[in-house]
Amino acid sequence: MQTIPTHPESRGRNWNWIGVLPFFLFALLFLILPTSYLMVGAFQDAEGGFTFANIRGLLEDNVVSAYWISIKISAASALGGGLLGFLLAWAAVLGKLPAWIRPTLMTFSGVASNFAGVPLAFAFLATLGRVGLVTVLFKKFLGFDLYSTGFSVLSFAGLALTYLYFQIPLMVLIVTPALEGIKREWREACDCLGGTAFQYWRYVALPVLWPSILGAMLLLFANAFGAVATAYALTGSSLNIVPILLFAQIRGDVLHNPNLGYALALGMIVITGISNAGYMWLRSQSERGRT
C-alpha cells in the first residue's frame, strides 16, 4: 500500500499550543497588562511625570495603619481557617466517617470557597447583625445579648469571622490531596513498632504534612489580603484596611489620588506575591517529601 509522504516541516509542527493560547491571552489581558499599568502609575504624578512621592506616601500613618490592620485580619482568618479546615479535611479523609460525608463536604467547600462579596456580607448581617437571626435567638431564648460583649459584625472580629466562611472551605480543598497522600503503610509500620497515635502524628504524619499546611495558610493569607468586595459591603469605610483605602483613593469623592492608589495596589501585589511564592515553594517541598 502506497503511503502519502509528509513534509518534514509539517511533522515537526506542534499544534497543541493552540489549546493554551486562551490561557495566555487571559493572563496577558487581565494579569500582566494591569499589573504593568499599576507599576508604571505608582511612579507617576498627576501630570504623568516620574516621581517617588507615591511610594513615600506608603509611609504615612494612615497607610501604615491600613496595611497593619489588613495583615492582622488576613493572618487571623488564615490561622483560624487553616486549623479548622485541616481538622475538617482530616475527619473526612482519615476519620472513618460515613462515606457520604466526604463528597458532601467537598461539594459544599467548592461552592462556599467562592461565595463572597455583597451576598456574603448580607448573609452575615442577617445572621449576626444587631437584629440578625442568631443575635435575636440568643437574646430571646438564652437571655444573652451578643452586642453587650462589645462584639460587632462591622468590627475587626466580625470581618475576620466573615472571612472564615470562605477560608475554611478553601483550606479543605487545598489540604485534602495532601492528606490523601498519607500512606496507610506508614501508620501500620508505626503500630508494628509499638508507636502511639501521638508519636505517629508527631514524628511521621505532621513532618510530611507541615509544608502543605503552612503553604495553604500562606495562600489563605493572600486570599484574605486581597479581598475587597466583602469588606467594603460589610463595613463600608468604618474599617481602615488597604483594599478600602485603595478604593477611596481611586474612586472616592474626597480621597482621590489614583497614583497613590496604584502605589497601594503595588504594595498589595508585593505582599500577596511573596505569600504565593512561599506557597509554591512549600508545595514543591511537600511533593518532594512524598516521593
C-alpha atoms as a PDB file:
ATOM      1  CA  MET A   1       0.000   0.000   0.000  1.00  0.00           C
ATOM      2  CA  GLN A   2       1.349   3.371  -1.016  1.00  0.00           C
ATOM      3  CA  THR A   3       1.947   5.871   1.779  1.00  0.00           C
ATOM      4  CA  ILE A   4       1.481   9.589   1.364  1.00  0.00           C
ATOM      5  CA  PRO A   5       4.718  11.416   2.070  1.00  0.00           C
ATOM      6  CA  THR A   6       4.589  14.141   4.626  1.00  0.00           C
ATOM      7  CA  HIS A   7       6.634  17.283   4.583  1.00  0.00           C
ATOM      8  CA  PRO A   8       9.331  17.379   7.291  1.00  0.00           C
ATOM      9  CA  GLU A   9       8.119  20.784   8.484  1.00  0.00           C
ATOM     10  CA  SER A  10       4.527  19.551   8.913  1.00  0.00           C
ATOM     11  CA  ARG A  11       5.733  16.627  11.008  1.00  0.00           C
ATOM     12  CA  GLY A  12       7.640  18.912  13.369  1.00  0.00           C
ATOM     13  CA  ARG A  13       4.875  21.467  13.783  1.00  0.00           C
ATOM     14  CA  ASN A  14       3.170  21.240  17.180  1.00  0.00           C
ATOM     15  CA  TRP A  15      -0.440  22.418  17.132  1.00  0.00           C
ATOM     16  CA  ASN A  16      -1.015  21.620  20.793  1.00  0.00           C
ATOM     17  CA  TRP A  17      -0.107  25.199  21.703  1.00  0.00           C
ATOM     18  CA  ILE A  18      -3.432  26.343  20.277  1.00  0.00           C
ATOM     19  CA  GLY A  19      -5.201  24.811  23.286  1.00  0.00           C
ATOM     20  CA  VAL A  20      -3.345  27.015  25.789  1.00  0.00           C
ATOM     21  CA  LEU A  21      -3.495  30.240  23.771  1.00  0.00           C
ATOM     22  CA  PRO A  22      -6.736  31.368  25.525  1.00  0.00           C
ATOM     23  CA  PHE A  23      -4.973  30.997  28.884  1.00  0.00           C
ATOM     24  CA  PHE A  24      -2.013  33.110  27.814  1.00  0.00           C
ATOM     25  CA  LEU A  25      -4.339  35.695  26.274  1.00  0.00           C
ATOM     26  CA  PHE A  26      -6.359  35.839  29.503  1.00  0.00           C
ATOM     27  CA  ALA A  27      -3.201  36.177  31.605  1.00  0.00           C
ATOM     28  CA  LEU A  28      -1.907  38.944  29.341  1.00  0.00           C
ATOM     29  CA  LEU A  29      -5.117  40.983  29.359  1.00  0.00           C
ATOM     30  CA  PHE A  30      -6.168  40.552  32.991  1.00  0.00           C
ATOM     31  CA  LEU A  31      -2.906  39.971  34.858  1.00  0.00           C
ATOM     32  CA  ILE A  32       0.252  41.111  33.087  1.00  0.00           C
ATOM     33  CA  LEU A  33      -1.007  44.318  31.450  1.00  0.00           C
ATOM     34  CA  PRO A  34      -2.960  45.588  34.527  1.00  0.00           C
ATOM     35  CA  THR A  35      -0.003  44.837  36.801  1.00  0.00           C
ATOM     36  CA  SER A  36       2.360  46.660  34.447  1.00  0.00           C
ATOM     37  CA  TYR A  37      -0.038  49.615  34.325  1.00  0.00           C
ATOM     38  CA  LEU A  38      -0.124  49.750  38.142  1.00  0.00           C
ATOM     39  CA  MET A  39       3.654  49.572  38.398  1.00  0.00           C
ATOM     40  CA  VAL A  40       4.067  52.458  35.974  1.00  0.00           C
ATOM     41  CA  GLY A  41       1.304  54.532  37.590  1.00  0.00           C
ATOM     42  CA  ALA A  42       2.824  54.074  41.053  1.00  0.00           C
ATOM     43  CA  PHE A  43       5.849  56.100  39.906  1.00  0.00           C
ATOM     44  CA  GLN A  44       3.921  58.874  38.144  1.00  0.00           C
ATOM     45  CA  ASP A  45       2.354  62.104  39.310  1.00  0.00           C
ATOM     46  CA  ALA A  46      -0.956  63.588  38.111  1.00  0.00           C
ATOM     47  CA  GLU A  47       0.779  65.065  35.047  1.00  0.00           C
ATOM     48  CA  GLY A  48       2.452  61.761  34.135  1.00  0.00           C
ATOM     49  CA  GLY A  49       5.938  62.719  35.320  1.00  0.00           C
ATOM     50  CA  PHE A  50       8.250  60.384  37.195  1.00  0.00           C
ATOM     51  CA  THR A  51       8.121  60.667  40.990  1.00  0.00           C
ATOM     52  CA  PHE A  52       8.754  58.721  44.196  1.00  0.00           C
ATOM     53  CA  ALA A  53       6.095  60.691  46.089  1.00  0.00           C
ATOM     54  CA  ASN A  54       3.530  57.879  45.814  1.00  0.00           C
ATOM     55  CA  ILE A  55       5.968  55.341  47.230  1.00  0.00           C
ATOM     56  CA  ARG A  56       6.850  57.743  50.049  1.00  0.00           C
ATOM     57  CA  GLY A  57       3.100  58.087  50.655  1.00  0.00           C
ATOM     58  CA  LEU A  58       3.021  54.446  51.726  1.00  0.00           C
ATOM     59  CA  LEU A  59       4.880  55.515  54.881  1.00  0.00           C
ATOM     60  CA  GLU A  60       2.094  57.829  56.048  1.00  0.00           C
ATOM     61  CA  ASP A  61       0.472  56.875  59.337  1.00  0.00           C
ATOM     62  CA  ASN A  62      -2.974  56.084  57.917  1.00  0.00           C
ATOM     63  CA  VAL A  63      -1.482  53.928  55.142  1.00  0.00           C
ATOM     64  CA  VAL A  64       0.811  52.016  57.520  1.00  0.00           C
ATOM     65  CA  SER A  65      -2.158  51.518  59.853  1.00  0.00           C
ATOM     66  CA  ALA A  66      -4.273  50.193  56.965  1.00  0.00           C
ATOM     67  CA  TYR A  67      -1.575  47.705  55.968  1.00  0.00           C
ATOM     68  CA  TRP A  68      -1.135  46.577  59.569  1.00  0.00           C
ATOM     69  CA  ILE A  69      -4.868  46.031  60.093  1.00  0.00           C
ATOM     70  CA  SER A  70      -5.111  44.149  56.791  1.00  0.00           C
ATOM     71  CA  ILE A  71      -2.182  41.940  57.748  1.00  0.00           C
ATOM     72  CA  LYS A  72      -3.716  41.153  61.152  1.00  0.00           C
ATOM     73  CA  ILE A  73      -7.137  40.323  59.667  1.00  0.00           C
ATOM     74  CA  SER A  74      -5.559  38.175  56.960  1.00  0.00           C
ATOM     75  CA  ALA A  75      -3.333  36.373  59.476  1.00  0.00           C
ATOM     76  CA  ALA A  76      -6.222  35.751  61.884  1.00  0.00           C
ATOM     77  CA  SER A  77      -8.509  34.387  59.178  1.00  0.00           C
ATOM     78  CA  ALA A  78      -5.680  32.318  57.661  1.00  0.00           C
ATOM     79  CA  LEU A  79      -4.756  30.802  61.025  1.00  0.00           C
ATOM     80  CA  GLY A  80      -8.354  30.102  62.058  1.00  0.00           C
ATOM     81  CA  GLY A  81      -9.395  28.901  58.624  1.00  0.00           C
ATOM     82  CA  GLY A  82      -6.270  26.773  58.298  1.00  0.00           C
ATOM     83  CA  LEU A  83      -6.713  24.975  61.613  1.00  0.00           C
ATOM     84  CA  LEU A  84     -10.461  24.397  61.283  1.00  0.00           C
ATOM     85  CA  GLY A  85     -10.177  23.467  57.615  1.00  0.00           C
ATOM     86  CA  PHE A  86      -7.420  20.968  58.340  1.00  0.00           C
ATOM     87  CA  LEU A  87      -9.479  19.328  61.071  1.00  0.00           C
ATOM     88  CA  LEU A  88     -12.496  19.081  58.756  1.00  0.00           C
ATOM     89  CA  ALA A  89     -10.411  17.599  55.956  1.00  0.00           C
ATOM     90  CA  TRP A  90      -8.732  15.161  58.364  1.00  0.00           C
ATOM     91  CA  ALA A  91     -12.105  13.997  59.671  1.00  0.00           C
ATOM     92  CA  ALA A  92     -13.434  13.491  56.136  1.00  0.00           C
ATOM     93  CA  VAL A  93     -10.366  11.727  54.725  1.00  0.00           C
ATOM     94  CA  LEU A  94      -8.896   9.800  57.678  1.00  0.00           C
ATOM     95  CA  GLY A  95     -11.609   9.969  60.330  1.00  0.00           C
ATOM     96  CA  LYS A  96     -13.541   6.847  59.261  1.00  0.00           C
ATOM     97  CA  LEU A  97     -16.768   8.809  58.925  1.00  0.00           C
ATOM     98  CA  PRO A  98     -19.742   7.656  56.808  1.00  0.00           C
ATOM     99  CA  ALA A  99     -18.934   7.602  53.103  1.00  0.00           C
ATOM    100  CA  TRP A 100     -21.475  10.277  52.142  1.00  0.00           C
ATOM    101  CA  ILE A 101     -19.840  12.963  54.312  1.00  0.00           C
ATOM    102  CA  ARG A 102     -16.698  13.382  52.228  1.00  0.00           C
ATOM    103  CA  PRO A 103     -18.340  14.135  48.831  1.00  0.00           C
ATOM    104  CA  THR A 104     -20.871  16.359  50.573  1.00  0.00           C
ATOM    105  CA  LEU A 105     -18.122  18.324  52.320  1.00  0.00           C
ATOM    106  CA  MET A 106     -16.095  18.674  49.120  1.00  0.00           C
ATOM    107  CA  THR A 107     -19.116  19.873  47.153  1.00  0.00           C
ATOM    108  CA  PHE A 108     -20.003  22.429  49.819  1.00  0.00           C
ATOM    109  CA  SER A 109     -16.376  23.569  50.035  1.00  0.00           C
ATOM    110  CA  GLY A 110     -16.215  24.104  46.286  1.00  0.00           C
ATOM    111  CA  VAL A 111     -19.277  26.372  46.447  1.00  0.00           C
ATOM    112  CA  ALA A 112     -18.534  28.171  49.740  1.00  0.00           C
ATOM    113  CA  SER A 113     -14.915  28.974  48.844  1.00  0.00           C
ATOM    114  CA  ASN A 114     -16.229  31.177  46.016  1.00  0.00           C
ATOM    115  CA  PHE A 115     -19.107  32.742  47.964  1.00  0.00           C
ATOM    116  CA  ALA A 116     -18.073  36.284  48.815  1.00  0.00           C
ATOM    117  CA  GLY A 117     -18.892  39.911  48.166  1.00  0.00           C
ATOM    118  CA  VAL A 118     -22.278  41.530  48.796  1.00  0.00           C
ATOM    119  CA  PRO A 119     -24.211  38.227  49.233  1.00  0.00           C
ATOM    120  CA  LEU A 120     -21.822  37.040  51.949  1.00  0.00           C
ATOM    121  CA  ALA A 121     -21.883  40.417  53.711  1.00  0.00           C
ATOM    122  CA  PHE A 122     -25.695  40.436  53.681  1.00  0.00           C
ATOM    123  CA  ALA A 123     -25.788  36.855  54.973  1.00  0.00           C
ATOM    124  CA  PHE A 124     -23.660  37.741  57.999  1.00  0.00           C
ATOM    125  CA  LEU A 125     -25.593  40.951  58.656  1.00  0.00           C
ATOM    126  CA  ALA A 126     -28.818  38.943  58.591  1.00  0.00           C
ATOM    127  CA  THR A 127     -27.277  36.347  60.904  1.00  0.00           C
ATOM    128  CA  LEU A 128     -25.049  38.255  63.334  1.00  0.00           C
ATOM    129  CA  GLY A 129     -26.192  41.854  62.935  1.00  0.00           C
ATOM    130  CA  ARG A 130     -27.888  43.743  65.747  1.00  0.00           C
ATOM    131  CA  VAL A 131     -31.253  42.378  64.603  1.00  0.00           C
ATOM    132  CA  GLY A 132     -29.802  39.255  62.995  1.00  0.00           C
ATOM    133  CA  LEU A 133     -31.345  35.836  63.452  1.00  0.00           C
ATOM    134  CA  VAL A 134     -28.671  34.394  65.762  1.00  0.00           C
ATOM    135  CA  THR A 135     -28.454  37.615  67.779  1.00  0.00           C
ATOM    136  CA  VAL A 136     -32.224  37.670  68.340  1.00  0.00           C
ATOM    137  CA  LEU A 137     -32.380  33.952  69.212  1.00  0.00           C
ATOM    138  CA  PHE A 138     -29.561  34.318  71.737  1.00  0.00           C
ATOM    139  CA  LYS A 139     -31.325  37.230  73.391  1.00  0.00           C
ATOM    140  CA  LYS A 140     -34.785  35.653  73.359  1.00  0.00           C
ATOM    141  CA  PHE A 141     -34.047  32.106  74.495  1.00  0.00           C
ATOM    142  CA  LEU A 142     -30.733  32.443  76.351  1.00  0.00           C
ATOM    143  CA  GLY A 143     -31.007  35.989  77.657  1.00  0.00           C
ATOM    144  CA  PHE A 144     -27.591  36.714  76.157  1.00  0.00           C
ATOM    145  CA  ASP A 145     -27.022  39.983  74.337  1.00  0.00           C
ATOM    146  CA  LEU A 146     -24.166  39.343  71.942  1.00  0.00           C
ATOM    147  CA  TYR A 147     -23.520  43.043  71.390  1.00  0.00           C
ATOM    148  CA  SER A 148     -23.211  43.719  75.119  1.00  0.00           C
ATOM    149  CA  THR A 149     -19.838  41.954  74.978  1.00  0.00           C
ATOM    150  CA  GLY A 150     -18.507  44.562  72.561  1.00  0.00           C
ATOM    151  CA  PHE A 151     -18.819  42.310  69.511  1.00  0.00           C
ATOM    152  CA  SER A 152     -19.886  43.873  66.230  1.00  0.00           C
ATOM    153  CA  VAL A 153     -20.094  42.272  62.819  1.00  0.00           C
ATOM    154  CA  LEU A 154     -18.744  45.553  61.442  1.00  0.00           C
ATOM    155  CA  SER A 155     -15.538  45.329  63.501  1.00  0.00           C
ATOM    156  CA  PHE A 156     -12.194  43.579  63.157  1.00  0.00           C
ATOM    157  CA  ALA A 157     -13.553  40.399  64.776  1.00  0.00           C
ATOM    158  CA  GLY A 158     -16.698  40.489  62.646  1.00  0.00           C
ATOM    159  CA  LEU A 159     -14.769  40.814  59.392  1.00  0.00           C
ATOM    160  CA  ALA A 160     -12.322  38.057  60.366  1.00  0.00           C
ATOM    161  CA  LEU A 161     -15.261  35.810  61.250  1.00  0.00           C
ATOM    162  CA  THR A 162     -16.888  36.581  57.902  1.00  0.00           C
ATOM    163  CA  TYR A 163     -13.697  35.695  56.061  1.00  0.00           C
ATOM    164  CA  LEU A 164     -13.694  32.296  57.766  1.00  0.00           C
ATOM    165  CA  TYR A 165     -16.758  31.369  55.735  1.00  0.00           C
ATOM    166  CA  PHE A 166     -14.688  31.054  52.564  1.00  0.00           C
ATOM    167  CA  GLN A 167     -11.296  30.458  54.187  1.00  0.00           C
ATOM    168  CA  ILE A 168     -12.260  27.172  55.871  1.00  0.00           C
ATOM    169  CA  PRO A 169     -13.671  25.557  52.685  1.00  0.00           C
ATOM    170  CA  LEU A 170     -10.659  26.752  50.693  1.00  0.00           C
ATOM    171  CA  MET A 171      -8.350  25.097  53.226  1.00  0.00           C
ATOM    172  CA  VAL A 172     -10.343  21.867  52.917  1.00  0.00           C
ATOM    173  CA  LEU A 173      -9.900  21.869  49.140  1.00  0.00           C
ATOM    174  CA  ILE A 174      -6.164  22.608  49.342  1.00  0.00           C
ATOM    175  CA  VAL A 175      -5.133  20.216  52.104  1.00  0.00           C
ATOM    176  CA  THR A 176      -7.294  17.220  51.126  1.00  0.00           C
ATOM    177  CA  PRO A 177      -4.882  15.978  48.404  1.00  0.00           C
ATOM    178  CA  ALA A 178      -2.034  16.144  50.917  1.00  0.00           C
ATOM    179  CA  LEU A 179      -3.995  14.037  53.406  1.00  0.00           C
ATOM    180  CA  GLU A 180      -4.831  11.576  50.646  1.00  0.00           C
ATOM    181  CA  GLY A 181      -1.096  11.196  50.023  1.00  0.00           C
ATOM    182  CA  ILE A 182      -0.515   9.821  53.530  1.00  0.00           C
ATOM    183  CA  LYS A 183       0.228   6.132  53.038  1.00  0.00           C
ATOM    184  CA  ARG A 184      -1.519   3.575  55.181  1.00  0.00           C
ATOM    185  CA  GLU A 185       1.704   1.576  55.398  1.00  0.00           C
ATOM    186  CA  TRP A 186       3.291   4.354  57.475  1.00  0.00           C
ATOM    187  CA  ARG A 187       0.667   4.015  60.206  1.00  0.00           C
ATOM    188  CA  GLU A 188       0.874   0.230  60.109  1.00  0.00           C
ATOM    189  CA  ALA A 189       4.659   0.363  60.449  1.00  0.00           C
ATOM    190  CA  CYS A 190       4.345   2.727  63.405  1.00  0.00           C
ATOM    191  CA  ASP A 191       1.835   0.396  65.088  1.00  0.00           C
ATOM    192  CA  CYS A 192       4.039  -2.635  64.492  1.00  0.00           C
ATOM    193  CA  LEU A 193       6.949  -0.850  66.143  1.00  0.00           C
ATOM    194  CA  GLY A 194       4.821  -0.054  69.194  1.00  0.00           C
ATOM    195  CA  GLY A 195       4.297   3.631  68.417  1.00  0.00           C
ATOM    196  CA  THR A 196       1.277   5.516  69.709  1.00  0.00           C
ATOM    197  CA  ALA A 197      -1.079   7.722  67.691  1.00  0.00           C
ATOM    198  CA  PHE A 198       0.625  10.821  69.123  1.00  0.00           C
ATOM    199  CA  GLN A 199       4.056   9.541  68.097  1.00  0.00           C
ATOM    200  CA  TYR A 200       2.763   8.727  64.619  1.00  0.00           C
ATOM    201  CA  TRP A 201       1.477  12.267  64.084  1.00  0.00           C
ATOM    202  CA  ARG A 202       4.466  13.870  65.829  1.00  0.00           C
ATOM    203  CA  TYR A 203       7.239  12.016  64.001  1.00  0.00           C
ATOM    204  CA  VAL A 204       5.640  10.740  60.751  1.00  0.00           C
ATOM    205  CA  ALA A 205       2.469  12.454  59.538  1.00  0.00           C
ATOM    206  CA  LEU A 206       2.996  16.082  60.606  1.00  0.00           C
ATOM    207  CA  PRO A 207       6.563  16.352  59.258  1.00  0.00           C
ATOM    208  CA  VAL A 208       5.186  15.228  55.885  1.00  0.00           C
ATOM    209  CA  LEU A 209       2.082  17.436  56.039  1.00  0.00           C
ATOM    210  CA  TRP A 210       3.683  20.524  57.561  1.00  0.00           C
ATOM    211  CA  PRO A 211       4.820  22.116  54.274  1.00  0.00           C
ATOM    212  CA  SER A 212       1.351  21.614  52.785  1.00  0.00           C
ATOM    213  CA  ILE A 213      -0.391  23.061  55.847  1.00  0.00           C
ATOM    214  CA  LEU A 214       1.883  26.090  56.104  1.00  0.00           C
ATOM    215  CA  GLY A 215       1.762  26.687  52.355  1.00  0.00           C
ATOM    216  CA  ALA A 216      -2.028  26.519  52.377  1.00  0.00           C
ATOM    217  CA  MET A 217      -2.150  29.068  55.204  1.00  0.00           C
ATOM    218  CA  LEU A 218       0.047  31.406  53.153  1.00  0.00           C
ATOM    219  CA  LEU A 219      -2.421  31.046  50.294  1.00  0.00           C
ATOM    220  CA  LEU A 220      -5.298  31.804  52.660  1.00  0.00           C
ATOM    221  CA  PHE A 221      -3.422  34.892  53.851  1.00  0.00           C
ATOM    222  CA  ALA A 222      -3.044  36.159  50.282  1.00  0.00           C
ATOM    223  CA  ASN A 223      -6.686  35.351  49.571  1.00  0.00           C
ATOM    224  CA  ALA A 224      -7.900  37.402  52.545  1.00  0.00           C
ATOM    225  CA  PHE A 225      -5.436  40.251  51.996  1.00  0.00           C
ATOM    226  CA  GLY A 226      -6.767  40.915  48.511  1.00  0.00           C
ATOM    227  CA  ALA A 227     -10.467  40.583  49.358  1.00  0.00           C
ATOM    228  CA  VAL A 228     -12.289  43.896  48.864  1.00  0.00           C
ATOM    229  CA  ALA A 229     -15.913  43.269  47.925  1.00  0.00           C
ATOM    230  CA  THR A 230     -16.853  41.505  51.161  1.00  0.00           C
ATOM    231  CA  ALA A 231     -15.039  44.022  53.372  1.00  0.00           C
ATOM    232  CA  TYR A 232     -16.489  47.057  51.593  1.00  0.00           C
ATOM    233  CA  ALA A 233     -20.026  45.653  51.520  1.00  0.00           C
ATOM    234  CA  LEU A 234     -19.873  44.681  55.201  1.00  0.00           C
ATOM    235  CA  THR A 235     -18.020  47.561  56.862  1.00  0.00           C
ATOM    236  CA  GLY A 236     -18.033  50.333  54.259  1.00  0.00           C
ATOM    237  CA  SER A 237     -15.384  52.873  55.269  1.00  0.00           C
ATOM    238  CA  SER A 238     -15.638  52.194  59.007  1.00  0.00           C
ATOM    239  CA  LEU A 239     -12.638  49.834  58.948  1.00  0.00           C
ATOM    240  CA  ASN A 240      -9.352  51.170  57.601  1.00  0.00           C
ATOM    241  CA  ILE A 241      -7.938  48.297  55.563  1.00  0.00           C
ATOM    242  CA  VAL A 242      -5.844  48.557  52.418  1.00  0.00           C
ATOM    243  CA  PRO A 243      -8.443  47.466  49.807  1.00  0.00           C
ATOM    244  CA  ILE A 244     -10.987  50.001  51.113  1.00  0.00           C
ATOM    245  CA  LEU A 245      -8.348  52.756  51.306  1.00  0.00           C
ATOM    246  CA  LEU A 246      -7.287  51.926  47.749  1.00  0.00           C
ATOM    247  CA  PHE A 247     -10.898  52.106  46.588  1.00  0.00           C
ATOM    248  CA  ALA A 248     -11.255  55.510  48.255  1.00  0.00           C
ATOM    249  CA  GLN A 249      -8.124  56.835  46.550  1.00  0.00           C
ATOM    250  CA  ILE A 250      -9.185  55.732  43.063  1.00  0.00           C
ATOM    251  CA  ARG A 251     -12.956  56.204  43.149  1.00  0.00           C
ATOM    252  CA  GLY A 252     -13.661  58.336  46.243  1.00  0.00           C
ATOM    253  CA  ASP A 253     -15.029  61.884  46.169  1.00  0.00           C
ATOM    254  CA  VAL A 254     -12.750  63.268  48.920  1.00  0.00           C
ATOM    255  CA  LEU A 255      -9.720  60.985  48.845  1.00  0.00           C
ATOM    256  CA  HIS A 256      -8.973  60.993  45.147  1.00  0.00           C
ATOM    257  CA  ASN A 257      -5.349  60.287  44.264  1.00  0.00           C
ATOM    258  CA  PRO A 258      -5.243  57.494  41.664  1.00  0.00           C
ATOM    259  CA  ASN A 259      -1.457  57.332  41.608  1.00  0.00           C
ATOM    260  CA  LEU A 260      -1.306  56.780  45.375  1.00  0.00           C
ATOM    261  CA  GLY A 261      -3.926  54.093  44.812  1.00  0.00           C
ATOM    262  CA  TYR A 262      -1.599  52.481  42.267  1.00  0.00           C
ATOM    263  CA  ALA A 263       1.168  52.529  44.863  1.00  0.00           C
ATOM    264  CA  LEU A 264      -1.171  50.916  47.401  1.00  0.00           C
ATOM    265  CA  ALA A 265      -2.050  48.246  44.852  1.00  0.00           C
ATOM    266  CA  LEU A 266       1.652  47.697  44.128  1.00  0.00           C
ATOM    267  CA  GLY A 267       2.273  47.138  47.838  1.00  0.00           C
ATOM    268  CA  MET A 268      -0.559  44.612  47.927  1.00  0.00           C
ATOM    269  CA  ILE A 269       0.876  42.839  44.887  1.00  0.00           C
ATOM    270  CA  VAL A 270       4.269  42.574  46.595  1.00  0.00           C
ATOM    271  CA  ILE A 271       2.773  41.129  49.801  1.00  0.00           C
ATOM    272  CA  THR A 272       0.460  38.656  48.048  1.00  0.00           C
ATOM    273  CA  GLY A 273       3.241  37.752  45.620  1.00  0.00           C
ATOM    274  CA  ILE A 274       5.559  36.854  48.486  1.00  0.00           C
ATOM    275  CA  SER A 275       2.787  34.756  50.068  1.00  0.00           C
ATOM    276  CA  ASN A 276       2.083  32.929  46.804  1.00  0.00           C
ATOM    277  CA  ALA A 277       5.792  32.358  46.180  1.00  0.00           C
ATOM    278  CA  GLY A 278       6.090  30.861  49.666  1.00  0.00           C
ATOM    279  CA  TYR A 279       3.088  28.648  48.975  1.00  0.00           C
ATOM    280  CA  MET A 280       4.557  27.350  45.703  1.00  0.00           C
ATOM    281  CA  TRP A 281       7.941  26.678  47.305  1.00  0.00           C
ATOM    282  CA  LEU A 282       6.384  24.815  50.239  1.00  0.00           C
ATOM    283  CA  ARG A 283       4.157  22.870  47.868  1.00  0.00           C
ATOM    284  CA  SER A 284       7.196  21.730  45.884  1.00  0.00           C
ATOM    285  CA  GLN A 285       8.880  20.726  49.131  1.00  0.00           C
ATOM    286  CA  SER A 286       5.807  18.756  50.151  1.00  0.00           C
ATOM    287  CA  GLU A 287       5.625  16.923  46.818  1.00  0.00           C
ATOM    288  CA  ARG A 288       9.347  16.157  47.022  1.00  0.00           C
ATOM    289  CA  GLY A 289       8.947  14.776  50.545  1.00  0.00           C
ATOM    290  CA  ARG A 290       6.218  12.340  49.492  1.00  0.00           C
ATOM    291  CA  THR A 291       8.148  10.928  46.553  1.00  0.00           C
END
